[in-house]
Amino acid sequence: MNKIRKGDDIIVLTGRDKGKRGKIALRKDDSYVLVEGINVVKKHTKPNPLKGTVGGIIEKSMPIHQSNVAIFNTATGKADRVGIKQAADGKRVRVYKSSGEEIKVA
């Protein structure tokens, strides 16, 4: 079970975007996540008439390693760690380590 999933509200812990918040748009492999509006780079592209692409400078979000982000706990207003516990019905659920409260599925 992944501790960080698509749609989770996260906060960046390190790097030039430290302290910024966003939602996970995509999980790449098992260790990288793509966050909307975080780690934005400018990519210079050549025009390609065969593909119909226009040249220029394009801004796009790049993946960031999941160790550099933490899930954001809206109740406390801080970053939090994620634990996994078994619910009464036997299913595994994600919980905040600080409060033990279950993380709502996005």
PDB file of N, CA and C in Angstrom:
ATOM      1  N   MET A   1       0.853  -1.182   0.000  1.00  0.00           N
ATOM      2  CA  MET A   1       0.000   0.000   0.000  1.00  0.00           C
ATOM      3  C   MET A   1       0.895   1.241   0.000  1.00  0.00           C
ATOM      4  N   ASN A   2       0.651   2.130  -0.944  1.00  0.00           N
ATOM      5  CA  ASN A   2       1.425   3.365  -1.016  1.00  0.00           C
ATOM      6  C   ASN A   2       0.952   4.347   0.040  1.00  0.00           C
ATOM      7  N   LYS A   3       1.905   4.982   0.701  1.00  0.00           N
ATOM      8  CA  LYS A   3       1.542   5.939   1.741  1.00  0.00           C
ATOM      9  C   LYS A   3       1.091   7.265   1.144  1.00  0.00           C
ATOM     10  N   ILE A   4       1.602   7.593  -0.037  1.00  0.00           N
ATOM     11  CA  ILE A   4       1.191   8.819  -0.726  1.00  0.00           C
ATOM     12  C   ILE A   4       0.521   8.411  -2.030  1.00  0.00           C
ATOM     13  N   ARG A   5      -0.676   8.939  -2.273  1.00  0.00           N
ATOM     14  CA  ARG A   5      -1.459   8.546  -3.439  1.00  0.00           C
ATOM     15  C   ARG A   5      -1.845   9.755  -4.283  1.00  0.00           C
ATOM     16  N   LYS A   6      -2.321   9.458  -5.485  1.00  0.00           N
ATOM     17  CA  LYS A   6      -2.823  10.490  -6.383  1.00  0.00           C
ATOM     18  C   LYS A   6      -3.998  11.202  -5.719  1.00  0.00           C
ATOM     19  N   GLY A   7      -3.989  12.534  -5.772  1.00  0.00           N
ATOM     20  CA  GLY A   7      -5.067  13.325  -5.190  1.00  0.00           C
ATOM     21  C   GLY A   7      -4.793  13.794  -3.775  1.00  0.00           C
ATOM     22  N   ASP A   8      -3.721  13.309  -3.146  1.00  0.00           N
ATOM     23  CA  ASP A   8      -3.390  13.735  -1.783  1.00  0.00           C
ATOM     24  C   ASP A   8      -2.890  15.176  -1.774  1.00  0.00           C
ATOM     25  N   ASP A   9      -3.220  15.898  -0.722  1.00  0.00           N
ATOM     26  CA  ASP A   9      -2.733  17.261  -0.523  1.00  0.00           C
ATOM     27  C   ASP A   9      -1.385  17.153   0.173  1.00  0.00           C
ATOM     28  N   ILE A  10      -0.321  17.679  -0.445  1.00  0.00           N
ATOM     29  CA  ILE A  10       1.028  17.527   0.100  1.00  0.00           C
ATOM     30  C   ILE A  10       1.687  18.885   0.301  1.00  0.00           C
ATOM     31  N   ILE A  11       2.816  18.866   1.000  1.00  0.00           N
ATOM     32  CA  ILE A  11       3.655  20.041   1.181  1.00  0.00           C
ATOM     33  C   ILE A  11       5.085  19.628   0.859  1.00  0.00           C
ATOM     34  N   VAL A  12       5.836  20.496   0.190  1.00  0.00           N
ATOM     35  CA  VAL A  12       7.209  20.196  -0.206  1.00  0.00           C
ATOM     36  C   VAL A  12       8.139  20.489   0.969  1.00  0.00           C
ATOM     37  N   LEU A  13       9.038  19.541   1.272  1.00  0.00           N
ATOM     38  CA  LEU A  13       9.932  19.662   2.420  1.00  0.00           C
ATOM     39  C   LEU A  13      11.295  20.252   2.068  1.00  0.00           C
ATOM     40  N   THR A  14      11.793  20.005   0.856  1.00  0.00           N
ATOM     41  CA  THR A  14      13.127  20.467   0.483  1.00  0.00           C
ATOM     42  C   THR A  14      13.126  21.038  -0.925  1.00  0.00           C
ATOM     43  N   GLY A  15      14.183  21.767  -1.238  1.00  0.00           N
ATOM     44  CA  GLY A  15      14.351  22.299  -2.585  1.00  0.00           C
ATOM     45  C   GLY A  15      13.861  23.725  -2.719  1.00  0.00           C
ATOM     46  N   ARG A  16      13.853  24.216  -3.946  1.00  0.00           N
ATOM     47  CA  ARG A  16      13.496  25.616  -4.184  1.00  0.00           C
ATOM     48  C   ARG A  16      12.015  25.887  -3.948  1.00  0.00           C
ATOM     49  N   ASP A  17      11.193  24.851  -3.957  1.00  0.00           N
ATOM     50  CA  ASP A  17       9.755  25.007  -3.719  1.00  0.00           C
ATOM     51  C   ASP A  17       9.370  24.649  -2.287  1.00  0.00           C
ATOM     52  N   LYS A  18      10.324  24.673  -1.374  1.00  0.00           N
ATOM     53  CA  LYS A  18      10.082  24.287   0.019  1.00  0.00           C
ATOM     54  C   LYS A  18       8.940  25.108   0.612  1.00  0.00           C
ATOM     55  N   GLY A  19       7.998  24.427   1.273  1.00  0.00           N
ATOM     56  CA  GLY A  19       6.875  25.094   1.915  1.00  0.00           C
ATOM     57  C   GLY A  19       5.646  25.239   1.042  1.00  0.00           C
ATOM     58  N   LYS A  20       5.767  24.990  -0.257  1.00  0.00           N
ATOM     59  CA  LYS A  20       4.617  25.117  -1.150  1.00  0.00           C
ATOM     60  C   LYS A  20       3.726  23.887  -1.039  1.00  0.00           C
ATOM     61  N   ARG A  21       2.422  24.112  -1.241  1.00  0.00           N
ATOM     62  CA  ARG A  21       1.447  23.030  -1.168  1.00  0.00           C
ATOM     63  C   ARG A  21       0.862  22.751  -2.539  1.00  0.00           C
ATOM     64  N   GLY A  22       0.418  21.519  -2.742  1.00  0.00           N
ATOM     65  CA  GLY A  22      -0.208  21.139  -4.000  1.00  0.00           C
ATOM     66  C   GLY A  22      -0.839  19.767  -3.899  1.00  0.00           C
ATOM     67  N   LYS A  23      -1.477  19.366  -4.994  1.00  0.00           N
ATOM     68  CA  LYS A  23      -2.098  18.040  -5.059  1.00  0.00           C
ATOM     69  C   LYS A  23      -1.295  17.157  -6.001  1.00  0.00           C
ATOM     70  N   ILE A  24      -1.204  15.884  -5.657  1.00  0.00           N
ATOM     71  CA  ILE A  24      -0.486  14.938  -6.498  1.00  0.00           C
ATOM     72  C   ILE A  24      -1.344  14.633  -7.720  1.00  0.00           C
ATOM     73  N   ALA A  25      -0.764  14.870  -8.904  1.00  0.00           N
ATOM     74  CA  ALA A  25      -1.481  14.632 -10.148  1.00  0.00           C
ATOM     75  C   ALA A  25      -1.170  13.249 -10.711  1.00  0.00           C
ATOM     76  N   LEU A  26       0.021  12.719 -10.386  1.00  0.00           N
ATOM     77  CA  LEU A  26       0.461  11.471 -10.998  1.00  0.00           C
ATOM     78  C   LEU A  26       1.578  10.866 -10.166  1.00  0.00           C
ATOM     79  N   ARG A  27       1.600   9.546 -10.068  1.00  0.00           N
ATOM     80  CA  ARG A  27       2.722   8.835  -9.444  1.00  0.00           C
ATOM     81  C   ARG A  27       3.532   8.198 -10.557  1.00  0.00           C
ATOM     82  N   LYS A  28       4.808   8.554 -10.645  1.00  0.00           N
ATOM     83  CA  LYS A  28       5.687   7.950 -11.634  1.00  0.00           C
ATOM     84  C   LYS A  28       6.513   6.890 -10.925  1.00  0.00           C
ATOM     85  N   ASP A  29       6.539   5.702 -11.476  1.00  0.00           N
ATOM     86  CA  ASP A  29       7.236   4.557 -10.878  1.00  0.00           C
ATOM     87  C   ASP A  29       6.728   4.361  -9.450  1.00  0.00           C
ATOM     88  N   ASP A  30       7.632   4.116  -8.519  1.00  0.00           N
ATOM     89  CA  ASP A  30       7.230   3.968  -7.131  1.00  0.00           C
ATOM     90  C   ASP A  30       7.825   5.055  -6.264  1.00  0.00           C
ATOM     91  N   SER A  31       8.698   5.873  -6.843  1.00  0.00           N
ATOM     92  CA  SER A  31       9.407   6.817  -5.987  1.00  0.00           C
ATOM     93  C   SER A  31       9.249   8.280  -6.386  1.00  0.00           C
ATOM     94  N   TYR A  32       8.634   8.571  -7.516  1.00  0.00           N
ATOM     95  CA  TYR A  32       8.477   9.953  -7.958  1.00  0.00           C
ATOM     96  C   TYR A  32       7.003  10.322  -8.076  1.00  0.00           C
ATOM     97  N   VAL A  33       6.707  11.582  -7.757  1.00  0.00           N
ATOM     98  CA  VAL A  33       5.341  12.088  -7.874  1.00  0.00           C
ATOM     99  C   VAL A  33       5.360  13.377  -8.685  1.00  0.00           C
ATOM    100  N   LEU A  34       4.276  13.620  -9.404  1.00  0.00           N
ATOM    101  CA  LEU A  34       4.117  14.847 -10.174  1.00  0.00           C
ATOM    102  C   LEU A  34       3.072  15.685  -9.456  1.00  0.00           C
ATOM    103  N   VAL A  35       3.467  16.887  -9.034  1.00  0.00           N
ATOM    104  CA  VAL A  35       2.589  17.756  -8.260  1.00  0.00           C
ATOM    105  C   VAL A  35       2.264  18.983  -9.102  1.00  0.00           C
ATOM    106  N   GLU A  36       0.982  19.332  -9.162  1.00  0.00           N
ATOM    107  CA  GLU A  36       0.534  20.473  -9.958  1.00  0.00           C
ATOM    108  C   GLU A  36       1.165  21.758  -9.435  1.00  0.00           C
ATOM    109  N   GLY A  37       1.867  22.488 -10.297  1.00  0.00           N
ATOM    110  CA  GLY A  37       2.419  23.790  -9.939  1.00  0.00           C
ATOM    111  C   GLY A  37       3.702  23.755  -9.133  1.00  0.00           C
ATOM    112  N   ILE A  38       4.259  22.578  -8.892  1.00  0.00           N
ATOM    113  CA  ILE A  38       5.493  22.444  -8.123  1.00  0.00           C
ATOM    114  C   ILE A  38       6.588  21.925  -9.049  1.00  0.00           C
ATOM    115  N   ASN A  39       7.814  22.402  -8.839  1.00  0.00           N
ATOM    116  CA  ASN A  39       8.980  22.007  -9.630  1.00  0.00           C
ATOM    117  C   ASN A  39       8.746  22.307 -11.112  1.00  0.00           C
ATOM    118  N   VAL A  40       8.295  23.526 -11.396  1.00  0.00           N
ATOM    119  CA  VAL A  40       8.006  23.952 -12.763  1.00  0.00           C
ATOM    120  C   VAL A  40       9.305  24.401 -13.426  1.00  0.00           C
ATOM    121  N   VAL A  41       9.563  23.877 -14.624  1.00  0.00           N
ATOM    122  CA  VAL A  41      10.753  24.243 -15.384  1.00  0.00           C
ATOM    123  C   VAL A  41      10.323  24.785 -16.739  1.00  0.00           C
ATOM    124  N   LYS A  42      11.227  25.533 -17.358  1.00  0.00           N
ATOM    125  CA  LYS A  42      10.976  26.042 -18.701  1.00  0.00           C
ATOM    126  C   LYS A  42      11.722  25.148 -19.683  1.00  0.00           C
ATOM    127  N   LYS A  43      10.989  24.599 -20.632  1.00  0.00           N
ATOM    128  CA  LYS A  43      11.571  23.696 -21.616  1.00  0.00           C
ATOM    129  C   LYS A  43      11.538  24.369 -22.982  1.00  0.00           C
ATOM    130  N   HIS A  44      12.690  24.420 -23.624  1.00  0.00           N
ATOM    131  CA  HIS A  44      12.805  25.011 -24.953  1.00  0.00           C
ATOM    132  C   HIS A  44      12.543  23.920 -25.985  1.00  0.00           C
ATOM    133  N   THR A  45      11.553  24.135 -26.852  1.00  0.00           N
ATOM    134  CA  THR A  45      11.210  23.129 -27.854  1.00  0.00           C
ATOM    135  C   THR A  45      11.330  23.707 -29.254  1.00  0.00           C
ATOM    136  N   LYS A  46      11.755  22.848 -30.153  1.00  0.00           N
ATOM    137  CA  LYS A  46      11.827  23.232 -31.558  1.00  0.00           C
ATOM    138  C   LYS A  46      10.474  22.977 -32.205  1.00  0.00           C
ATOM    139  N   PRO A  47      10.121  23.769 -33.213  1.00  0.00           N
ATOM    140  CA  PRO A  47       8.875  23.478 -33.927  1.00  0.00           C
ATOM    141  C   PRO A  47       9.029  22.192 -34.741  1.00  0.00           C
ATOM    142  N   ASN A  48       7.975  21.406 -34.802  1.00  0.00           N
ATOM    143  CA  ASN A  48       7.974  20.176 -35.585  1.00  0.00           C
ATOM    144  C   ASN A  48       6.698  20.147 -36.423  1.00  0.00           C
ATOM    145  N   PRO A  49       6.812  20.508 -37.696  1.00  0.00           N
ATOM    146  CA  PRO A  49       5.612  20.564 -38.536  1.00  0.00           C
ATOM    147  C   PRO A  49       4.971  19.190 -38.767  1.00  0.00           C
ATOM    148  N   LEU A  50       5.749  18.115 -38.670  1.00  0.00           N
ATOM    149  CA  LEU A  50       5.181  16.780 -38.859  1.00  0.00           C
ATOM    150  C   LEU A  50       4.248  16.402 -37.713  1.00  0.00           C
ATOM    151  N   LYS A  51       4.610  16.791 -36.494  1.00  0.00           N
ATOM    152  CA  LYS A  51       3.765  16.505 -35.327  1.00  0.00           C
ATOM    153  C   LYS A  51       2.770  17.629 -35.061  1.00  0.00           C
ATOM    154  N   GLY A  52       2.983  18.759 -35.693  1.00  0.00           N
ATOM    155  CA  GLY A  52       2.088  19.895 -35.498  1.00  0.00           C
ATOM    156  C   GLY A  52       2.368  20.667 -34.225  1.00  0.00           C
ATOM    157  N   THR A  53       3.596  20.574 -33.712  1.00  0.00           N
ATOM    158  CA  THR A  53       3.939  21.306 -32.494  1.00  0.00           C
ATOM    159  C   THR A  53       4.595  22.629 -32.838  1.00  0.00           C
ATOM    160  N   VAL A  54       4.291  23.618 -32.032  1.00  0.00           N
ATOM    161  CA  VAL A  54       4.853  24.949 -32.213  1.00  0.00           C
ATOM    162  C   VAL A  54       6.087  25.062 -31.328  1.00  0.00           C
ATOM    163  N   GLY A  55       7.111  25.712 -31.819  1.00  0.00           N
ATOM    164  CA  GLY A  55       8.321  25.900 -31.026  1.00  0.00           C
ATOM    165  C   GLY A  55       8.154  27.022 -30.030  1.00  0.00           C
ATOM    166  N   GLY A  56       9.046  27.058 -29.060  1.00  0.00           N
ATOM    167  CA  GLY A  56       9.006  28.118 -28.066  1.00  0.00           C
ATOM    168  C   GLY A  56       9.413  27.611 -26.698  1.00  0.00           C
ATOM    169  N   ILE A  57       9.112  28.411 -25.699  1.00  0.00           N
ATOM    170  CA  ILE A  57       9.444  28.063 -24.324  1.00  0.00           C
ATOM    171  C   ILE A  57       8.157  27.633 -23.625  1.00  0.00           C
ATOM    172  N   ILE A  58       8.161  26.409 -23.129  1.00  0.00           N
ATOM    173  CA  ILE A  58       6.983  25.832 -22.482  1.00  0.00           C
ATOM    174  C   ILE A  58       7.299  25.589 -21.014  1.00  0.00           C
ATOM    175  N   GLU A  59       6.367  25.953 -20.132  1.00  0.00           N
ATOM    176  CA  GLU A  59       6.530  25.651 -18.712  1.00  0.00           C
ATOM    177  C   GLU A  59       5.813  24.346 -18.408  1.00  0.00           C
ATOM    178  N   LYS A  60       6.517  23.434 -17.710  1.00  0.00           N
ATOM    179  CA  LYS A  60       5.897  22.166 -17.352  1.00  0.00           C
ATOM    180  C   LYS A  60       6.389  21.712 -15.989  1.00  0.00           C
ATOM    181  N   SER A  61       5.549  20.955 -15.296  1.00  0.00           N
ATOM    182  CA  SER A  61       5.913  20.414 -13.988  1.00  0.00           C
ATOM    183  C   SER A  61       6.743  19.159 -14.189  1.00  0.00           C
ATOM    184  N   MET A  62       7.795  19.036 -13.405  1.00  0.00           N
ATOM    185  CA  MET A  62       8.651  17.861 -13.445  1.00  0.00           C
ATOM    186  C   MET A  62       8.430  17.039 -12.180  1.00  0.00           C
ATOM    187  N   PRO A  63       8.697  15.734 -12.249  1.00  0.00           N
ATOM    188  CA  PRO A  63       8.498  14.888 -11.071  1.00  0.00           C
ATOM    189  C   PRO A  63       9.451  15.259  -9.936  1.00  0.00           C
ATOM    190  N   ILE A  64       9.018  14.996  -8.713  1.00  0.00           N
ATOM    191  CA  ILE A  64       9.818  15.245  -7.520  1.00  0.00           C
ATOM    192  C   ILE A  64       9.817  13.953  -6.705  1.00  0.00           C
ATOM    193  N   HIS A  65      10.934  13.641  -6.062  1.00  0.00           N
ATOM    194  CA  HIS A  65      11.028  12.399  -5.299  1.00  0.00           C
ATOM    195  C   HIS A  65      10.087  12.448  -4.105  1.00  0.00           C
ATOM    196  N   GLN A  66       9.446  11.322  -3.807  1.00  0.00           N
ATOM    197  CA  GLN A  66       8.436  11.313  -2.753  1.00  0.00           C
ATOM    198  C   GLN A  66       9.027  11.538  -1.366  1.00  0.00           C
ATOM    199  N   SER A  67      10.337  11.362  -1.207  1.00  0.00           N
ATOM    200  CA  SER A  67      10.953  11.635   0.094  1.00  0.00           C
ATOM    201  C   SER A  67      11.047  13.133   0.354  1.00  0.00           C
ATOM    202  N   ASN A  68      10.866  13.945  -0.678  1.00  0.00           N
ATOM    203  CA  ASN A  68      10.935  15.398  -0.536  1.00  0.00           C
ATOM    204  C   ASN A  68       9.570  16.039  -0.314  1.00  0.00           C
ATOM    205  N   VAL A  69       8.535  15.228  -0.184  1.00  0.00           N
ATOM    206  CA  VAL A  69       7.195  15.742   0.096  1.00  0.00           C
ATOM    207  C   VAL A  69       6.613  15.009   1.297  1.00  0.00           C
ATOM    208  N   ALA A  70       5.655  15.652   1.952  1.00  0.00           N
ATOM    209  CA  ALA A  70       4.935  15.026   3.068  1.00  0.00           C
ATOM    210  C   ALA A  70       3.462  15.346   2.910  1.00  0.00           C
ATOM    211  N   ILE A  71       2.630  14.464   3.409  1.00  0.00           N
ATOM    212  CA  ILE A  71       1.190  14.686   3.340  1.00  0.00           C
ATOM    213  C   ILE A  71       0.836  15.837   4.280  1.00  0.00           C
ATOM    214  N   PHE A  72      -0.115  16.680   3.869  1.00  0.00           N
ATOM    215  CA  PHE A  72      -0.501  17.854   4.649  1.00  0.00           C
ATOM    216  C   PHE A  72      -1.743  17.524   5.461  1.00  0.00           C
ATOM    217  N   ASN A  73      -1.637  17.694   6.773  1.00  0.00           N
ATOM    218  CA  ASN A  73      -2.758  17.439   7.679  1.00  0.00           C
ATOM    219  C   ASN A  73      -3.522  18.746   7.852  1.00  0.00           C
ATOM    220  N   THR A  74      -4.737  18.816   7.321  1.00  0.00           N
ATOM    221  CA  THR A  74      -5.517  20.055   7.377  1.00  0.00           C
ATOM    222  C   THR A  74      -5.990  20.367   8.790  1.00  0.00           C
ATOM    223  N   ALA A  75      -6.129  19.357   9.637  1.00  0.00           N
ATOM    224  CA  ALA A  75      -6.579  19.585  11.012  1.00  0.00           C
ATOM    225  C   ALA A  75      -5.527  20.338  11.825  1.00  0.00           C
ATOM    226  N   THR A  76      -4.252  19.987  11.641  1.00  0.00           N
ATOM    227  CA  THR A  76      -3.175  20.641  12.386  1.00  0.00           C
ATOM    228  C   THR A  76      -2.541  21.778  11.600  1.00  0.00           C
ATOM    229  N   GLY A  77      -2.695  21.759  10.274  1.00  0.00           N
ATOM    230  CA  GLY A  77      -2.089  22.786   9.432  1.00  0.00           C
ATOM    231  C   GLY A  77      -0.602  22.574   9.231  1.00  0.00           C
ATOM    232  N   LYS A  78      -0.135  21.333   9.415  1.00  0.00           N
ATOM    233  CA  LYS A  78       1.292  21.022   9.283  1.00  0.00           C
ATOM    234  C   LYS A  78       1.481  19.760   8.451  1.00  0.00           C
ATOM    235  N   ALA A  79       2.747  19.524   8.086  1.00  0.00           N
ATOM    236  CA  ALA A  79       3.098  18.277   7.416  1.00  0.00           C
ATOM    237  C   ALA A  79       3.000  17.148   8.433  1.00  0.00           C
ATOM    238  N   ASP A  80       2.670  15.968   7.949  1.00  0.00           N
ATOM    239  CA  ASP A  80       2.507  14.829   8.850  1.00  0.00           C
ATOM    240  C   ASP A  80       3.036  13.572   8.183  1.00  0.00           C
ATOM    241  N   ARG A  81       3.348  12.577   9.007  1.00  0.00           N
ATOM    242  CA  ARG A  81       3.770  11.286   8.492  1.00  0.00           C
ATOM    243  C   ARG A  81       2.547  10.382   8.372  1.00  0.00           C
ATOM    244  N   VAL A  82       2.691   9.341   7.563  1.00  0.00           N
ATOM    245  CA  VAL A  82       1.576   8.443   7.298  1.00  0.00           C
ATOM    246  C   VAL A  82       1.896   7.067   7.864  1.00  0.00           C
ATOM    247  N   GLY A  83       0.920   6.490   8.555  1.00  0.00           N
ATOM    248  CA  GLY A  83       1.036   5.129   9.044  1.00  0.00           C
ATOM    249  C   GLY A  83      -0.077   4.290   8.454  1.00  0.00           C
ATOM    250  N   ILE A  84       0.056   2.980   8.576  1.00  0.00           N
ATOM    251  CA  ILE A  84      -0.961   2.073   8.055  1.00  0.00           C
ATOM    252  C   ILE A  84      -1.440   1.195   9.203  1.00  0.00           C
ATOM    253  N   LYS A  85      -2.752   1.162   9.397  1.00  0.00           N
ATOM    254  CA  LYS A  85      -3.355   0.335  10.444  1.00  0.00           C
ATOM    255  C   LYS A  85      -4.478  -0.487   9.845  1.00  0.00           C
ATOM    256  N   GLN A  86      -4.863  -1.527  10.566  1.00  0.00           N
ATOM    257  CA  GLN A  86      -6.000  -2.327  10.134  1.00  0.00           C
ATOM    258  C   GLN A  86      -7.260  -1.804  10.793  1.00  0.00           C
ATOM    259  N   ALA A  87      -8.277  -1.603   9.984  1.00  0.00           N
ATOM    260  CA  ALA A  87      -9.571  -1.152  10.497  1.00  0.00           C
ATOM    261  C   ALA A  87     -10.307  -2.342  11.115  1.00  0.00           C
ATOM    262  N   ALA A  88     -11.439  -2.068  11.722  1.00  0.00           N
ATOM    263  CA  ALA A  88     -12.225  -3.114  12.378  1.00  0.00           C
ATOM    264  C   ALA A  88     -12.702  -4.182  11.392  1.00  0.00           C
ATOM    265  N   ASP A  89     -12.945  -3.770  10.137  1.00  0.00           N
ATOM    266  CA  ASP A  89     -13.411  -4.735   9.137  1.00  0.00           C
ATOM    267  C   ASP A  89     -12.267  -5.503   8.476  1.00  0.00           C
ATOM    268  N   GLY A  90     -11.023  -5.269   8.906  1.00  0.00           N
ATOM    269  CA  GLY A  90      -9.873  -6.005   8.387  1.00  0.00           C
ATOM    270  C   GLY A  90      -9.147  -5.326   7.248  1.00  0.00           C
ATOM    271  N   LYS A  91      -9.677  -4.209   6.743  1.00  0.00           N
ATOM    272  CA  LYS A  91      -9.011  -3.487   5.658  1.00  0.00           C
ATOM    273  C   LYS A  91      -7.879  -2.639   6.216  1.00  0.00           C
ATOM    274  N   ARG A  92      -6.844  -2.451   5.392  1.00  0.00           N
ATOM    275  CA  ARG A  92      -5.735  -1.593   5.783  1.00  0.00           C
ATOM    276  C   ARG A  92      -6.075  -0.158   5.403  1.00  0.00           C
ATOM    277  N   VAL A  93      -5.899   0.763   6.329  1.00  0.00           N
ATOM    278  CA  VAL A  93      -6.206   2.172   6.080  1.00  0.00           C
ATOM    279  C   VAL A  93      -4.996   3.021   6.447  1.00  0.00           C
ATOM    280  N   ARG A  94      -4.899   4.170   5.779  1.00  0.00           N
ATOM    281  CA  ARG A  94      -3.827   5.119   6.085  1.00  0.00           C
ATOM    282  C   ARG A  94      -4.285   6.048   7.196  1.00  0.00           C
ATOM    283  N   VAL A  95      -3.373   6.342   8.126  1.00  0.00           N
ATOM    284  CA  VAL A  95      -3.690   7.228   9.246  1.00  0.00           C
ATOM    285  C   VAL A  95      -2.561   8.236   9.421  1.00  0.00           C
ATOM    286  N   TYR A  96      -2.909   9.399  10.002  1.00  0.00           N
ATOM    287  CA  TYR A  96      -1.894  10.380  10.369  1.00  0.00           C
ATOM    288  C   TYR A  96      -1.181   9.876  11.613  1.00  0.00           C
ATOM    289  N   LYS A  97       0.157   9.945  11.631  1.00  0.00           N
ATOM    290  CA  LYS A  97       0.930   9.466  12.775  1.00  0.00           C
ATOM    291  C   LYS A  97       0.705  10.336  14.007  1.00  0.00           C
ATOM    292  N   SER A  98       0.515  11.636  13.826  1.00  0.00           N
ATOM    293  CA  SER A  98       0.404  12.535  14.973  1.00  0.00           C
ATOM    294  C   SER A  98      -0.903  12.346  15.737  1.00  0.00           C
ATOM    295  N   SER A  99      -1.995  12.102  15.017  1.00  0.00           N
ATOM    296  CA  SER A  99      -3.297  12.027  15.682  1.00  0.00           C
ATOM    297  C   SER A  99      -3.946  10.648  15.622  1.00  0.00           C
ATOM    298  N   GLY A 100      -3.501   9.803  14.713  1.00  0.00           N
ATOM    299  CA  GLY A 100      -4.125   8.495  14.537  1.00  0.00           C
ATOM    300  C   GLY A 100      -5.417   8.553  13.744  1.00  0.00           C
ATOM    301  N   GLU A 101      -5.765   9.746  13.259  1.00  0.00           N
ATOM    302  CA  GLU A 101      -6.991   9.954  12.487  1.00  0.00           C
ATOM    303  C   GLU A 101      -6.828   9.362  11.086  1.00  0.00           C
ATOM    304  N   GLU A 102      -7.884   8.741  10.572  1.00  0.00           N
ATOM    305  CA  GLU A 102      -7.840   8.125   9.253  1.00  0.00           C
ATOM    306  C   GLU A 102      -7.778   9.195   8.168  1.00  0.00           C
ATOM    307  N   ILE A 103      -6.970   8.940   7.144  1.00  0.00           N
ATOM    308  CA  ILE A 103      -6.841   9.866   6.020  1.00  0.00           C
ATOM    309  C   ILE A 103      -7.980   9.591   5.055  1.00  0.00           C
ATOM    310  N   LYS A 104      -8.730  10.623   4.738  1.00  0.00           N
ATOM    311  CA  LYS A 104      -9.868  10.491   3.824  1.00  0.00           C
ATOM    312  C   LYS A 104      -9.356  10.291   2.405  1.00  0.00           C
ATOM    313  N   VAL A 105     -10.003   9.401   1.661  1.00  0.00           N
ATOM    314  CA  VAL A 105      -9.613   9.135   0.284  1.00  0.00           C
ATOM    315  C   VAL A 105     -10.040  10.306  -0.576  1.00  0.00           C
ATOM    316  N   ALA A 106      -9.103  10.812  -1.386  1.00  0.00           N
ATOM    317  CA  ALA A 106      -9.383  11.988  -2.213  1.00  0.00           C
ATOM    318  C   ALA A 106     -10.247  11.644  -3.395  1.00  0.00           C
TER     319      ALA A 106
END
